[in-house]
């Protein structure tokens, strides 16, 4: 009777190949982080910027909405409309440029949260959109806007003592 003897695979070798594959996958995903951060910034900025433009197009309707529909706590409707619209116009521009790397996503997070809180009734699908936007903004605020942002280029130059000395800020 002939029996074929097979050598069992070396568990150490399988483990090493698995670790090597995992390292390769990790490097690949890490290399995609700047692009993912930029795409998230562009997407969320578009959502809020277009909303702000809509509010600017007909200011009377915007104020009426803030008076009758949106119940922003603690603020008069005209002030709430102005602040919300300004946030939806200015903060997305900063987000796209990568300036104010914590301020811009946190500011839009607040605008998003106030929008949800101020509506007495919100459709489930709309609520899910706001949750998604809030999640993206929280991620950008926590992890930063990524290396493809102006903050990453400007910040090191601002920290140099000679910059402050030239501007007279060191006195």
C-alpha atoms as a PDB file:
ATOM      1  CA  UNK A   1       0.000   0.000   0.000  1.00  0.00           C
ATOM      2  CA  UNK A   2       1.351   3.334  -1.087  1.00  0.00           C
ATOM      3  CA  UNK A   3       0.713   6.308   1.129  1.00  0.00           C
ATOM      4  CA  UNK A   4       1.586   9.835   0.235  1.00  0.00           C
ATOM      5  CA  UNK A   5       3.244  11.722   2.947  1.00  0.00           C
ATOM      6  CA  UNK A   6       2.565  15.430   2.911  1.00  0.00           C
ATOM      7  CA  UNK A   7       4.502  17.892   4.902  1.00  0.00           C
ATOM      8  CA  UNK A   8       2.207  20.173   6.850  1.00  0.00           C
ATOM      9  CA  UNK A   9       2.562  23.833   6.007  1.00  0.00           C
ATOM     10  CA  UNK A  10       4.925  25.695   8.249  1.00  0.00           C
ATOM     11  CA  UNK A  11       2.680  27.679  10.621  1.00  0.00           C
ATOM     12  CA  UNK A  12       5.398  30.292  11.094  1.00  0.00           C
ATOM     13  CA  UNK A  13       5.617  30.813   7.341  1.00  0.00           C
ATOM     14  CA  UNK A  14       1.820  31.190   7.044  1.00  0.00           C
ATOM     15  CA  UNK A  15       1.842  33.634   9.929  1.00  0.00           C
ATOM     16  CA  UNK A  16       4.629  35.677   8.313  1.00  0.00           C
ATOM     17  CA  UNK A  17       2.821  35.769   4.966  1.00  0.00           C
ATOM     18  CA  UNK A  18      -0.375  36.832   6.710  1.00  0.00           C
ATOM     19  CA  UNK A  19       1.444  39.597   8.563  1.00  0.00           C
ATOM     20  CA  UNK A  20       3.127  40.713   5.361  1.00  0.00           C
ATOM     21  CA  UNK A  21      -0.245  40.907   3.596  1.00  0.00           C
ATOM     22  CA  UNK A  22      -1.712  42.831   6.514  1.00  0.00           C
ATOM     23  CA  UNK A  23       1.193  45.312   6.451  1.00  0.00           C
ATOM     24  CA  UNK A  24       0.759  45.821   2.714  1.00  0.00           C
ATOM     25  CA  UNK A  25      -2.984  46.436   3.120  1.00  0.00           C
ATOM     26  CA  UNK A  26      -2.321  48.852   5.983  1.00  0.00           C
ATOM     27  CA  UNK A  27       0.223  50.822   3.923  1.00  0.00           C
ATOM     28  CA  UNK A  28      -2.204  50.974   1.010  1.00  0.00           C
ATOM     29  CA  UNK A  29      -5.039  52.241   3.213  1.00  0.00           C
ATOM     30  CA  UNK A  30      -2.726  54.720   4.939  1.00  0.00           C
ATOM     31  CA  UNK A  31      -1.686  56.099   1.561  1.00  0.00           C
ATOM     32  CA  UNK A  32      -5.378  56.729   0.769  1.00  0.00           C
ATOM     33  CA  UNK A  33      -5.979  58.828   3.908  1.00  0.00           C
ATOM     34  CA  UNK A  34      -5.090  62.212   2.342  1.00  0.00           C
ATOM     35  CA  UNK A  35      -7.419  61.551  -0.593  1.00  0.00           C
ATOM     36  CA  UNK A  36     -10.221  60.321   1.684  1.00  0.00           C
ATOM     37  CA  UNK A  37      -9.921  63.427   3.886  1.00  0.00           C
ATOM     38  CA  UNK A  38      -9.978  65.699   0.832  1.00  0.00           C
ATOM     39  CA  UNK A  39     -13.015  63.943  -0.661  1.00  0.00           C
ATOM     40  CA  UNK A  40     -14.859  64.151   2.668  1.00  0.00           C
ATOM     41  CA  UNK A  41     -14.014  67.868   2.889  1.00  0.00           C
ATOM     42  CA  UNK A  42     -15.220  68.526  -0.661  1.00  0.00           C
ATOM     43  CA  UNK A  43     -18.444  66.563  -0.195  1.00  0.00           C
ATOM     44  CA  UNK A  44     -19.451  68.123   3.113  1.00  0.00           C
ATOM     45  CA  UNK A  45     -18.431  71.624   1.986  1.00  0.00           C
ATOM     46  CA  UNK A  46     -20.645  71.326  -1.083  1.00  0.00           C
ATOM     47  CA  UNK A  47     -23.653  70.268   0.997  1.00  0.00           C
ATOM     48  CA  UNK A  48     -23.420  73.220   3.367  1.00  0.00           C
ATOM     49  CA  UNK A  49     -22.267  75.828   0.840  1.00  0.00           C
ATOM     50  CA  UNK A  50     -25.188  75.093  -1.493  1.00  0.00           C
ATOM     51  CA  UNK A  51     -27.562  75.311   1.460  1.00  0.00           C
ATOM     52  CA  UNK A  52     -26.099  78.707   2.351  1.00  0.00           C
ATOM     53  CA  UNK A  53     -26.482  79.946  -1.233  1.00  0.00           C
ATOM     54  CA  UNK A  54     -30.132  78.880  -1.186  1.00  0.00           C
ATOM     55  CA  UNK A  55     -30.671  80.929   1.961  1.00  0.00           C
ATOM     56  CA  UNK A  56     -28.959  83.976   0.393  1.00  0.00           C
ATOM     57  CA  UNK A  57     -31.035  83.822  -2.802  1.00  0.00           C
ATOM     58  CA  UNK A  58     -34.220  84.812  -1.004  1.00  0.00           C
ATOM     59  CA  UNK A  59     -33.451  86.350   2.342  1.00  0.00           C
ATOM     60  CA  UNK A  60     -37.103  87.127   3.145  1.00  0.00           C
ATOM     61  CA  UNK A  61     -38.055  83.460   2.839  1.00  0.00           C
ATOM     62  CA  UNK A  62     -35.009  82.491   4.911  1.00  0.00           C
ATOM     63  CA  UNK A  63     -36.027  84.835   7.725  1.00  0.00           C
ATOM     64  CA  UNK A  64     -39.612  83.553   7.489  1.00  0.00           C
ATOM     65  CA  UNK A  65     -38.360  79.966   7.799  1.00  0.00           C
ATOM     66  CA  UNK A  66     -36.297  80.854  10.864  1.00  0.00           C
ATOM     67  CA  UNK A  67     -39.322  82.654  12.306  1.00  0.00           C
ATOM     68  CA  UNK A  68     -41.944  79.968  11.675  1.00  0.00           C
ATOM     69  CA  UNK A  69     -40.252  76.624  10.989  1.00  0.00           C
ATOM     70  CA  UNK A  70     -36.801  76.559  12.561  1.00  0.00           C
ATOM     71  CA  UNK A  71     -36.997  77.149  16.290  1.00  0.00           C
ATOM     72  CA  UNK A  72     -33.372  77.968  17.086  1.00  0.00           C
ATOM     73  CA  UNK A  73     -33.121  78.184  20.861  1.00  0.00           C
ATOM     74  CA  UNK A  74     -31.992  81.422  22.542  1.00  0.00           C
ATOM     75  CA  UNK A  75     -31.570  83.468  19.347  1.00  0.00           C
ATOM     76  CA  UNK A  76     -33.921  85.875  17.567  1.00  0.00           C
ATOM     77  CA  UNK A  77     -34.885  84.500  14.125  1.00  0.00           C
ATOM     78  CA  UNK A  78     -33.036  87.186  12.108  1.00  0.00           C
ATOM     79  CA  UNK A  79     -29.810  86.648  14.073  1.00  0.00           C
ATOM     80  CA  UNK A  80     -30.143  82.857  13.828  1.00  0.00           C
ATOM     81  CA  UNK A  81     -30.705  83.142  10.059  1.00  0.00           C
ATOM     82  CA  UNK A  82     -27.683  85.418   9.639  1.00  0.00           C
ATOM     83  CA  UNK A  83     -25.399  83.249  11.767  1.00  0.00           C
ATOM     84  CA  UNK A  84     -26.534  79.996  10.137  1.00  0.00           C
ATOM     85  CA  UNK A  85     -26.168  81.391   6.635  1.00  0.00           C
ATOM     86  CA  UNK A  86     -22.769  82.922   7.374  1.00  0.00           C
ATOM     87  CA  UNK A  87     -21.597  79.604   8.790  1.00  0.00           C
ATOM     88  CA  UNK A  88     -22.838  77.738   5.721  1.00  0.00           C
ATOM     89  CA  UNK A  89     -20.995  80.129   3.395  1.00  0.00           C
ATOM     90  CA  UNK A  90     -17.710  80.820   5.204  1.00  0.00           C
ATOM     91  CA  UNK A  91     -16.947  77.521   6.955  1.00  0.00           C
ATOM     92  CA  UNK A  92     -17.182  75.324   3.816  1.00  0.00           C
ATOM     93  CA  UNK A  93     -14.689  77.586   2.025  1.00  0.00           C
ATOM     94  CA  UNK A  94     -12.262  77.203   4.941  1.00  0.00           C
ATOM     95  CA  UNK A  95     -12.895  73.449   4.919  1.00  0.00           C
ATOM     96  CA  UNK A  96     -12.083  73.088   1.209  1.00  0.00           C
ATOM     97  CA  UNK A  97      -8.937  75.174   1.549  1.00  0.00           C
ATOM     98  CA  UNK A  98      -7.904  73.279   4.643  1.00  0.00           C
ATOM     99  CA  UNK A  99      -7.777  76.347   6.874  1.00  0.00           C
ATOM    100  CA  UNK A 100      -8.926  76.341  10.464  1.00  0.00           C
ATOM    101  CA  UNK A 101      -8.466  72.599  10.575  1.00  0.00           C
ATOM    102  CA  UNK A 102     -10.435  72.165  13.787  1.00  0.00           C
ATOM    103  CA  UNK A 103     -12.624  75.286  13.676  1.00  0.00           C
ATOM    104  CA  UNK A 104     -14.217  74.698  10.265  1.00  0.00           C
ATOM    105  CA  UNK A 105     -15.464  71.128  10.859  1.00  0.00           C
ATOM    106  CA  UNK A 106     -16.493  71.914  14.456  1.00  0.00           C
ATOM    107  CA  UNK A 107     -18.373  75.007  13.304  1.00  0.00           C
ATOM    108  CA  UNK A 108     -20.217  73.039  10.636  1.00  0.00           C
ATOM    109  CA  UNK A 109     -20.897  70.301  13.196  1.00  0.00           C
ATOM    110  CA  UNK A 110     -22.642  72.921  15.355  1.00  0.00           C
ATOM    111  CA  UNK A 111     -24.600  74.268  12.347  1.00  0.00           C
ATOM    112  CA  UNK A 112     -25.656  70.689  11.554  1.00  0.00           C
ATOM    113  CA  UNK A 113     -26.655  69.938  15.165  1.00  0.00           C
ATOM    114  CA  UNK A 114     -28.629  73.168  15.487  1.00  0.00           C
ATOM    115  CA  UNK A 115     -30.457  72.343  12.238  1.00  0.00           C
ATOM    116  CA  UNK A 116     -31.558  68.997  13.671  1.00  0.00           C
ATOM    117  CA  UNK A 117     -32.483  70.422  17.075  1.00  0.00           C
ATOM    118  CA  UNK A 118     -34.384  73.398  15.673  1.00  0.00           C
ATOM    119  CA  UNK A 119     -36.707  71.369  13.456  1.00  0.00           C
ATOM    120  CA  UNK A 120     -39.734  70.153  15.347  1.00  0.00           C
ATOM    121  CA  UNK A 121     -40.318  67.378  12.838  1.00  0.00           C
ATOM    122  CA  UNK A 122     -37.605  65.807  10.717  1.00  0.00           C
ATOM    123  CA  UNK A 123     -38.066  62.918   8.307  1.00  0.00           C
ATOM    124  CA  UNK A 124     -36.062  59.778   9.123  1.00  0.00           C
ATOM    125  CA  UNK A 125     -34.138  59.991   5.838  1.00  0.00           C
ATOM    126  CA  UNK A 126     -33.202  63.621   6.526  1.00  0.00           C
ATOM    127  CA  UNK A 127     -32.119  62.717  10.044  1.00  0.00           C
ATOM    128  CA  UNK A 128     -29.879  59.971   8.639  1.00  0.00           C
ATOM    129  CA  UNK A 129     -28.274  62.494   6.296  1.00  0.00           C
ATOM    130  CA  UNK A 130     -27.563  64.821   9.206  1.00  0.00           C
ATOM    131  CA  UNK A 131     -26.101  61.932  11.222  1.00  0.00           C
ATOM    132  CA  UNK A 132     -23.840  61.031   8.281  1.00  0.00           C
ATOM    133  CA  UNK A 133     -22.726  64.649   7.840  1.00  0.00           C
ATOM    134  CA  UNK A 134     -22.123  64.954  11.574  1.00  0.00           C
ATOM    135  CA  UNK A 135     -20.024  61.772  11.530  1.00  0.00           C
ATOM    136  CA  UNK A 136     -17.865  63.058   8.687  1.00  0.00           C
ATOM    137  CA  UNK A 137     -17.426  66.405  10.418  1.00  0.00           C
ATOM    138  CA  UNK A 138     -16.560  64.746  13.728  1.00  0.00           C
ATOM    139  CA  UNK A 139     -13.948  62.617  11.968  1.00  0.00           C
ATOM    140  CA  UNK A 140     -12.418  65.663  10.299  1.00  0.00           C
ATOM    141  CA  UNK A 141     -12.371  67.567  13.590  1.00  0.00           C
ATOM    142  CA  UNK A 142     -10.814  64.664  15.490  1.00  0.00           C
ATOM    143  CA  UNK A 143      -8.270  63.467  12.922  1.00  0.00           C
ATOM    144  CA  UNK A 144      -7.653  66.775  11.158  1.00  0.00           C
ATOM    145  CA  UNK A 145      -8.072  67.818   7.557  1.00  0.00           C
ATOM    146  CA  UNK A 146      -5.149  65.757   6.337  1.00  0.00           C
ATOM    147  CA  UNK A 147      -1.814  66.600   4.753  1.00  0.00           C
ATOM    148  CA  UNK A 148      -3.466  68.127   1.702  1.00  0.00           C
ATOM    149  CA  UNK A 149      -4.537  71.253   3.555  1.00  0.00           C
ATOM    150  CA  UNK A 150      -3.173  74.777   3.717  1.00  0.00           C
ATOM    151  CA  UNK A 151      -2.903  74.479   7.501  1.00  0.00           C
ATOM    152  CA  UNK A 152      -0.215  71.834   7.088  1.00  0.00           C
ATOM    153  CA  UNK A 153       1.763  74.180   4.872  1.00  0.00           C
ATOM    154  CA  UNK A 154       1.168  77.447   6.750  1.00  0.00           C
ATOM    155  CA  UNK A 155       1.423  76.289  10.383  1.00  0.00           C
ATOM    156  CA  UNK A 156       5.165  75.446  10.390  1.00  0.00           C
ATOM    157  CA  UNK A 157       5.944  78.887   8.946  1.00  0.00           C
ATOM    158  CA  UNK A 158       3.896  80.627  11.631  1.00  0.00           C
ATOM    159  CA  UNK A 159       5.710  78.783  14.426  1.00  0.00           C
ATOM    160  CA  UNK A 160       9.148  80.000  13.366  1.00  0.00           C
ATOM    161  CA  UNK A 161      10.418  82.710  15.755  1.00  0.00           C
ATOM    162  CA  UNK A 162      11.847  84.798  12.930  1.00  0.00           C
ATOM    163  CA  UNK A 163       8.348  85.215  11.443  1.00  0.00           C
ATOM    164  CA  UNK A 164       7.061  86.678  14.692  1.00  0.00           C
ATOM    165  CA  UNK A 165      10.151  88.883  15.096  1.00  0.00           C
ATOM    166  CA  UNK A 166       9.776  90.321  11.580  1.00  0.00           C
ATOM    167  CA  UNK A 167       6.139  91.136  12.277  1.00  0.00           C
ATOM    168  CA  UNK A 168       6.936  92.807  15.596  1.00  0.00           C
ATOM    169  CA  UNK A 169       4.874  90.322  17.600  1.00  0.00           C
ATOM    170  CA  UNK A 170       7.667  89.347  19.954  1.00  0.00           C
ATOM    171  CA  UNK A 171       7.538  92.576  21.980  1.00  0.00           C
END
